[in-house]
Amino acid sequence: MTHDKDSATSVTEQAAHWWVVFHSDGASPGDHREFAEWVARSPERVEAYLRTARVQQALKSGDVQWPTDSAADLIREARQSPQEPVPLSGATVVSLPRTQRPRAIAAAPVTWGLAATVMFGIGAAWFMLDRPQHFQTKFGEQRSVLLDDGSHVTLNTASEIEVRFEKDHRRIRLVQGEALFDVAHDAARPFDVEAGNTVLRAVGTQFDVDKRSDRTTVTVVEGRVAVLPATELPGVELPTLAANDRLVISGVGPHVLERGTNIAAATAWTQRRLIFEQRPLGEVAEEFNRYNRARIDIADAGLRQEQITGVFKPDDAASFLSFLSDIPGALIREDGHGGYIVTLDADNVAGT
């Protein structure tokens, strides 16, 4: 039932529909979001929902004693009594016999208590609708999150996202770290991921975003991702990425686009592995430092640029140190703070 598009459906009927939705077992997070958007548009909708809640409470209340007199007697008594209408809608008026008035007045505190509860629920819905959700991981932790729209997000170590869903838009901000997005298809609601000065737009696709202090790397697993600047940049054209594309966005230099990327290596972290193919040793050490308190610093500039290939466990720094020790001329020493500094003995290198 789409309320805003069905002009023939009265506000009272819409309110009754929402009452049924929230008093059944099938109310979903999407229902809560849609109700908050519906009720926030006019005071009449708040009033209609409260009126529905009041009537339902009265019908369920054990304090209400329904008359056992015949219909004819009730009609006759009603005609003889002063009318005190209780409005239930703009077109409906109910007249209560005099004998029923004390109970109606006695039930008023219950009705107002119910109204307060409903208003609190509506206020909470507004509050939750306006505030984004936050999901994050601690150092060394990974986490998988199912979003309200059915999308999955896998967060790498020390990562954080901010999620804000609107009626016609899905907005995610990667605050820090790395996340793999598996986006539920919804052509009417674009899925935007903001990472620094870049917005990545997808409708139904899977892609990885890795945000560092000096660069952001986007790797598309499947589907297509449009790369947009967060602010207008005259003369700047960013590409639309397809599966197996990898884009490195740097704030200090030109963007680097790679085709035919090894997707298994790019997403190996989700399986608690690190796969490197001809990667500079300095970058490899940085990856290990994301998962380990014992930092490894490749101090020699030439050694940092040396290309290596290998498969490691991210939390097994000892295996990486063993690999480094096999490099001709590599010297490893402790830094006094639980970490290690790797340098190169030029004489030993020259002698090999």
Protein backbone atom coordinates (compact mmCIF):
# COMPACT_ATOMS: atom_id res chain seq x y z
CA MET A 1 0.00 0.00 0.00
CA THR A 2 1.58 3.26 -1.12
CA HIS A 3 -0.22 6.03 0.72
CA ASP A 4 1.10 9.12 -1.03
CA LYS A 5 0.29 7.81 -4.49
CA ASP A 6 -3.27 6.71 -3.61
CA SER A 7 -5.19 9.97 -3.33
CA ALA A 8 -8.48 8.06 -2.96
CA THR A 9 -7.34 6.61 0.36
CA SER A 10 -8.30 8.82 3.30
CA VAL A 11 -5.85 9.74 6.03
CA THR A 12 -8.04 7.82 8.48
CA GLU A 13 -7.77 4.67 6.37
CA GLN A 14 -4.03 5.13 6.07
CA ALA A 15 -3.71 5.48 9.84
CA ALA A 16 -5.76 2.30 10.30
CA HIS A 17 -3.44 0.50 7.89
CA TRP A 18 -0.38 1.54 9.89
CA TRP A 19 -2.03 0.40 13.12
CA VAL A 20 -2.53 -3.04 11.61
CA VAL A 21 1.07 -3.14 10.33
CA PHE A 22 2.58 -2.37 13.72
CA HIS A 23 0.29 -4.77 15.60
CA SER A 24 1.20 -7.75 13.47
CA ASP A 25 4.39 -9.81 13.36
CA GLY A 26 5.46 -8.65 9.92
CA ALA A 27 6.62 -5.05 10.51
CA SER A 28 10.05 -4.59 8.92
CA PRO A 29 12.70 -1.85 9.35
CA GLY A 30 11.50 -0.51 6.01
CA ASP A 31 7.94 -0.26 7.39
CA HIS A 32 9.21 1.76 10.34
CA ARG A 33 11.09 4.10 8.01
CA GLU A 34 8.10 4.54 5.68
CA PHE A 35 5.76 5.19 8.62
CA ALA A 36 8.10 7.85 10.01
CA GLU A 37 8.16 9.57 6.61
CA TRP A 38 4.36 9.30 6.30
CA VAL A 39 3.48 10.64 9.75
CA ALA A 40 6.00 13.49 9.60
CA ARG A 41 4.31 15.19 6.66
CA SER A 42 1.30 16.73 8.45
CA PRO A 43 -0.29 17.16 11.89
CA GLU A 44 -3.47 15.58 10.46
CA ARG A 45 -1.64 12.28 10.10
CA VAL A 46 -0.44 12.41 13.70
CA GLU A 47 -4.00 13.15 14.82
CA ALA A 48 -5.44 10.34 12.68
CA TYR A 49 -3.03 7.78 14.09
CA LEU A 50 -3.67 8.88 17.68
CA ARG A 51 -7.41 8.72 17.03
CA THR A 52 -7.07 5.18 15.69
CA ALA A 53 -4.97 4.18 18.70
CA ARG A 54 -7.57 5.65 21.07
CA VAL A 55 -10.43 3.75 19.48
CA GLN A 56 -8.48 0.48 19.48
CA GLN A 57 -7.59 0.93 23.14
CA ALA A 58 -11.23 1.56 24.03
CA LEU A 59 -12.36 -1.54 22.18
CA LYS A 60 -9.81 -3.70 24.01
CA SER A 61 -10.33 -2.17 27.45
CA GLY A 62 -11.97 -4.43 30.06
CA ASP A 63 -13.29 -1.33 31.85
CA VAL A 64 -15.77 -0.54 29.11
CA GLN A 65 -19.14 -2.14 29.90
CA TRP A 66 -21.15 -2.61 26.75
CA PRO A 67 -24.93 -2.10 27.30
CA THR A 68 -27.25 -5.12 27.28
CA ASP A 69 -30.38 -3.10 26.51
CA SER A 70 -32.17 -3.48 23.23
CA ALA A 71 -31.33 -1.21 20.30
CA ALA A 72 -34.74 0.48 20.56
CA ASP A 73 -34.18 1.36 24.24
CA LEU A 74 -30.72 2.71 23.51
CA ILE A 75 -31.98 4.91 20.68
CA ARG A 76 -34.80 6.25 22.85
CA GLU A 77 -32.44 7.04 25.74
CA ALA A 78 -29.95 8.70 23.41
CA ARG A 79 -32.64 10.98 21.98
CA GLN A 80 -33.71 12.06 25.49
CA SER A 81 -30.15 12.81 26.67
CA PRO A 82 -28.20 16.05 26.07
CA GLN A 83 -25.80 15.47 23.21
CA GLU A 84 -22.11 15.49 24.03
CA PRO A 85 -20.46 14.43 20.78
CA VAL A 86 -17.05 12.79 20.80
CA PRO A 87 -15.48 13.44 17.36
CA LEU A 88 -13.75 10.45 15.82
CA SER A 89 -13.27 11.97 12.38
CA GLY A 90 -14.40 14.94 10.37
CA ALA A 91 -17.57 13.12 9.28
CA THR A 92 -18.35 10.84 12.25
CA VAL A 93 -19.98 11.76 15.59
CA VAL A 94 -20.88 9.30 18.36
CA SER A 95 -23.31 10.24 21.13
CA LEU A 96 -22.90 8.43 24.43
CA PRO A 97 -25.87 7.80 26.74
CA ARG A 98 -25.72 9.56 30.08
CA THR A 99 -25.17 6.28 31.91
CA GLN A 100 -21.98 5.68 29.98
CA ARG A 101 -20.37 9.09 30.60
CA PRO A 102 -18.70 8.36 33.98
CA ARG A 103 -16.88 5.35 32.55
CA ALA A 104 -15.77 7.32 29.50
CA ILE A 105 -14.35 10.03 31.75
CA ALA A 106 -12.68 7.45 33.97
CA ALA A 107 -11.02 5.91 30.96
CA ALA A 108 -9.55 9.26 29.88
CA PRO A 109 -6.23 8.81 31.75
CA VAL A 110 -5.71 5.52 29.89
CA THR A 111 -6.41 7.26 26.58
CA TRP A 112 -4.00 10.10 27.33
CA GLY A 113 -1.37 7.61 28.46
CA LEU A 114 -1.77 5.77 25.18
CA ALA A 115 -1.53 9.04 23.27
CA ALA A 116 1.68 9.90 25.08
CA THR A 117 3.10 6.47 24.22
CA VAL A 118 2.19 6.86 20.56
CA MET A 119 3.63 10.38 20.43
CA PHE A 120 6.84 9.10 22.03
CA GLY A 121 7.03 6.40 19.36
CA ILE A 122 6.48 8.96 16.60
CA GLY A 123 9.11 11.25 18.08
CA ALA A 124 11.56 8.36 18.29
CA ALA A 125 10.84 7.49 14.67
CA TRP A 126 11.56 11.07 13.58
CA PHE A 127 14.74 11.06 15.67
CA MET A 128 15.99 7.79 14.20
CA LEU A 129 15.05 8.81 10.68
CA ASP A 130 17.09 11.99 10.92
CA ARG A 131 20.15 10.47 12.60
CA PRO A 132 22.58 8.31 10.59
CA GLN A 133 23.61 4.85 11.74
CA HIS A 134 27.25 4.16 12.57
CA PHE A 135 29.07 0.85 12.23
CA GLN A 136 32.74 0.38 13.06
CA THR A 137 35.44 -2.14 13.89
CA LYS A 138 38.28 -2.02 16.36
CA PHE A 139 41.94 -2.59 15.56
CA GLY A 140 42.37 -6.14 14.22
CA GLU A 141 38.60 -6.75 14.05
CA GLN A 142 36.40 -7.44 11.03
CA ARG A 143 32.62 -7.25 10.86
CA SER A 144 29.78 -7.99 8.42
CA VAL A 145 26.70 -5.74 8.51
CA LEU A 146 23.28 -6.25 6.88
CA LEU A 147 21.72 -2.87 6.06
CA ASP A 148 17.98 -2.14 6.04
CA ASP A 149 17.80 -2.27 2.24
CA GLY A 150 19.32 -5.76 2.06
CA SER A 151 22.83 -4.60 1.16
CA HIS A 152 25.82 -6.21 2.90
CA VAL A 153 28.90 -4.33 4.10
CA THR A 154 32.04 -6.06 5.34
CA LEU A 155 34.27 -3.80 7.40
CA ASN A 156 38.00 -4.36 7.62
CA THR A 157 40.14 -3.60 10.67
CA ALA A 158 39.80 -0.14 12.30
CA SER A 159 37.08 0.96 9.88
CA GLU A 160 33.92 3.04 10.24
CA ILE A 161 30.93 3.88 8.05
CA GLU A 162 28.02 6.28 8.48
CA VAL A 163 24.72 5.15 6.92
CA ARG A 164 21.84 7.47 6.06
CA PHE A 165 18.88 6.06 4.08
CA GLU A 166 16.34 8.40 2.54
CA LYS A 167 13.19 7.69 0.57
CA ASP A 168 14.90 8.14 -2.81
CA HIS A 169 18.58 7.81 -1.89
CA ARG A 170 21.01 5.60 0.02
CA ARG A 171 24.06 7.46 1.34
CA ILE A 172 27.13 5.90 2.98
CA ARG A 173 30.18 7.78 4.22
CA LEU A 174 33.38 5.81 4.68
CA VAL A 175 34.82 7.67 7.64
CA GLN A 176 38.00 5.59 7.76
CA GLY A 177 39.42 2.23 6.81
CA GLU A 178 38.20 -0.26 4.23
CA ALA A 179 34.82 -1.76 3.35
CA LEU A 180 33.49 -4.24 0.81
CA PHE A 181 30.00 -3.26 -0.39
CA ASP A 182 27.55 -5.79 -1.83
CA VAL A 183 24.72 -3.51 -2.95
CA ALA A 184 21.09 -4.62 -3.19
CA HIS A 185 19.61 -3.62 -6.55
CA ASP A 186 17.20 -0.68 -6.39
CA ALA A 187 17.21 1.50 -9.50
CA ALA A 188 14.98 4.10 -7.82
CA ARG A 189 17.41 4.63 -4.90
CA PRO A 190 21.06 5.20 -5.89
CA PHE A 191 23.67 3.86 -3.49
CA ASP A 192 26.39 6.48 -2.92
CA VAL A 193 29.59 5.91 -0.97
CA GLU A 194 31.47 9.06 -0.04
CA ALA A 195 35.20 8.60 0.55
CA GLY A 196 37.10 11.85 0.98
CA ASN A 197 36.51 14.07 -2.05
CA THR A 198 35.01 11.29 -4.14
CA VAL A 199 31.52 9.77 -4.40
CA LEU A 200 31.10 6.23 -5.74
CA ARG A 201 27.63 5.52 -7.12
CA ALA A 202 26.23 2.03 -7.67
CA VAL A 203 22.76 0.57 -8.12
CA GLY A 204 23.43 -3.14 -7.75
CA THR A 205 27.07 -4.17 -7.64
CA GLN A 206 29.97 -5.24 -5.44
CA PHE A 207 33.04 -3.12 -4.85
CA ASP A 208 35.80 -2.48 -2.33
CA VAL A 209 36.82 0.95 -1.05
CA ASP A 210 40.06 1.43 0.87
CA LYS A 211 40.55 4.92 2.32
CA ARG A 212 44.04 5.92 3.47
CA SER A 213 45.45 9.26 4.57
CA ASP A 214 46.97 9.99 1.16
CA ARG A 215 44.80 8.00 -1.26
CA THR A 216 41.58 6.08 -1.80
CA THR A 217 41.56 2.82 -3.77
CA VAL A 218 38.38 1.53 -5.43
CA THR A 219 38.20 -2.03 -6.78
CA VAL A 220 35.08 -3.24 -8.59
CA VAL A 221 34.28 -6.92 -8.10
CA GLU A 222 31.16 -7.00 -10.28
CA GLY A 223 28.79 -4.54 -11.94
CA ARG A 224 29.64 -0.91 -12.62
CA VAL A 225 30.50 2.01 -10.37
CA ALA A 226 30.35 5.67 -11.39
CA VAL A 227 33.06 7.85 -9.85
CA LEU A 228 31.87 11.38 -9.09
CA PRO A 229 33.61 14.34 -7.44
CA ALA A 230 32.05 15.30 -4.10
CA THR A 231 32.23 18.93 -5.24
CA GLU A 232 32.20 20.47 -8.68
CA LEU A 233 35.64 20.32 -10.29
CA PRO A 234 35.69 22.10 -13.67
CA GLY A 235 37.48 20.14 -16.37
CA VAL A 236 37.80 16.98 -14.27
CA GLU A 237 36.31 13.81 -15.77
CA LEU A 238 36.29 10.67 -13.66
CA PRO A 239 35.70 7.24 -15.20
CA THR A 240 32.93 4.72 -14.77
CA LEU A 241 34.49 1.54 -13.45
CA ALA A 242 33.60 -1.99 -14.57
CA ALA A 243 34.37 -5.38 -13.05
CA ASN A 244 38.09 -5.99 -12.41
CA ASP A 245 38.88 -2.25 -12.57
CA ARG A 246 40.99 -0.65 -9.85
CA LEU A 247 41.24 3.11 -9.41
CA VAL A 248 43.72 4.80 -7.08
CA ILE A 249 42.56 8.33 -6.25
CA SER A 250 45.30 10.54 -4.85
CA GLY A 251 44.92 14.01 -3.47
CA VAL A 252 48.38 15.07 -4.66
CA GLY A 253 48.73 13.45 -8.08
CA PRO A 254 46.87 12.01 -11.07
CA HIS A 255 44.45 9.14 -10.65
CA VAL A 256 45.75 5.72 -11.67
CA LEU A 257 43.33 3.33 -13.41
CA GLU A 258 44.23 -0.36 -13.68
CA ARG A 259 42.28 -2.83 -15.81
CA GLY A 260 42.16 -6.59 -15.21
CA THR A 261 42.92 -6.41 -11.49
CA ASN A 262 43.23 -9.65 -9.53
CA ILE A 263 39.97 -9.50 -7.58
CA ALA A 264 40.90 -12.45 -5.38
CA ALA A 265 43.95 -10.57 -4.16
CA ALA A 266 42.01 -7.33 -3.61
CA THR A 267 39.36 -9.00 -1.46
CA ALA A 268 41.54 -11.66 0.22
CA TRP A 269 41.36 -9.70 3.48
CA THR A 270 37.75 -10.88 3.90
CA GLN A 271 39.19 -14.41 4.20
CA ARG A 272 41.88 -13.27 6.65
CA ARG A 273 44.62 -13.45 4.02
CA LEU A 274 46.92 -10.96 2.32
CA ILE A 275 47.90 -11.66 -1.30
CA PHE A 276 50.56 -9.55 -3.00
CA GLU A 277 51.58 -9.67 -6.65
CA GLN A 278 54.57 -7.55 -7.55
CA ARG A 279 53.80 -5.00 -4.84
CA PRO A 280 56.41 -2.61 -3.38
CA LEU A 281 57.74 -3.88 -0.09
CA GLY A 282 56.86 -0.58 1.59
CA GLU A 283 53.17 -1.06 0.73
CA VAL A 284 53.26 -4.64 1.96
CA ALA A 285 54.66 -3.49 5.31
CA GLU A 286 51.89 -0.88 5.55
CA GLU A 287 49.31 -3.62 5.09
CA PHE A 288 50.79 -5.64 7.94
CA ASN A 289 50.81 -2.58 10.15
CA ARG A 290 47.03 -2.31 9.76
CA TYR A 291 46.58 -5.61 11.60
CA ASN A 292 49.50 -5.73 14.05
CA ARG A 293 50.55 -3.61 17.02
CA ALA A 294 54.19 -4.48 16.35
CA ARG A 295 54.91 -2.06 13.51
CA ILE A 296 57.41 -2.90 10.80
CA ASP A 297 59.22 0.06 9.28
CA ILE A 298 61.14 -0.42 6.03
CA ALA A 299 63.68 2.34 6.55
CA ASP A 300 65.74 1.91 3.36
CA ALA A 301 64.22 3.78 0.38
CA GLY A 302 65.51 1.30 -2.19
CA LEU A 303 64.24 -1.65 -0.20
CA ARG A 304 60.80 -0.05 0.07
CA GLN A 305 60.52 -0.05 -3.73
CA GLU A 306 61.53 -3.69 -4.18
CA GLN A 307 58.67 -5.71 -5.71
CA ILE A 308 57.57 -8.88 -3.94
CA THR A 309 54.94 -11.60 -4.41
CA GLY A 310 53.56 -13.70 -1.58
CA VAL A 311 50.59 -14.88 0.53
CA PHE A 312 50.49 -14.11 4.26
CA LYS A 313 48.19 -14.18 7.24
CA PRO A 314 47.55 -10.57 8.31
CA ASP A 315 48.01 -11.26 12.02
CA ASP A 316 51.17 -13.36 11.58
CA ALA A 317 53.89 -10.72 11.66
CA ALA A 318 56.49 -13.36 12.49
CA SER A 319 56.09 -15.01 9.06
CA PHE A 320 56.56 -11.64 7.35
CA LEU A 321 59.68 -10.91 9.41
CA SER A 322 61.03 -14.33 8.44
CA PHE A 323 60.38 -13.46 4.79
CA LEU A 324 62.23 -10.17 5.21
CA SER A 325 65.21 -11.86 6.83
CA ASP A 326 65.71 -13.94 3.69
CA ILE A 327 66.26 -10.83 1.56
CA PRO A 328 70.01 -10.49 0.83
CA GLY A 329 71.53 -7.74 2.97
CA ALA A 330 68.34 -7.09 5.04
CA LEU A 331 68.98 -6.18 8.67
CA ILE A 332 66.14 -6.33 11.22
CA ARG A 333 66.38 -4.72 14.64
CA GLU A 334 63.88 -3.86 17.35
CA ASP A 335 62.84 -0.21 17.69
CA GLY A 336 62.43 -0.30 21.50
CA HIS A 337 58.65 0.05 21.31
CA GLY A 338 57.68 -3.48 20.31
CA GLY A 339 58.21 -2.87 16.60
CA TYR A 340 60.95 -3.51 14.06
CA ILE A 341 63.13 -1.44 11.72
CA VAL A 342 64.38 -3.03 8.50
CA THR A 343 67.47 -1.59 6.83
CA LEU A 344 69.83 -2.76 4.11
CA ASP A 345 73.52 -3.63 4.56
CA ALA A 346 75.00 -2.23 1.36
CA ASP A 347 78.30 -4.14 1.80
CA ASN A 348 76.52 -7.50 2.03
CA VAL A 349 74.38 -6.65 -0.98
CA ALA A 350 77.44 -5.72 -3.02
CA GLY A 351 79.13 -8.96 -2.04
CA THR A 352 76.34 -11.24 -3.22
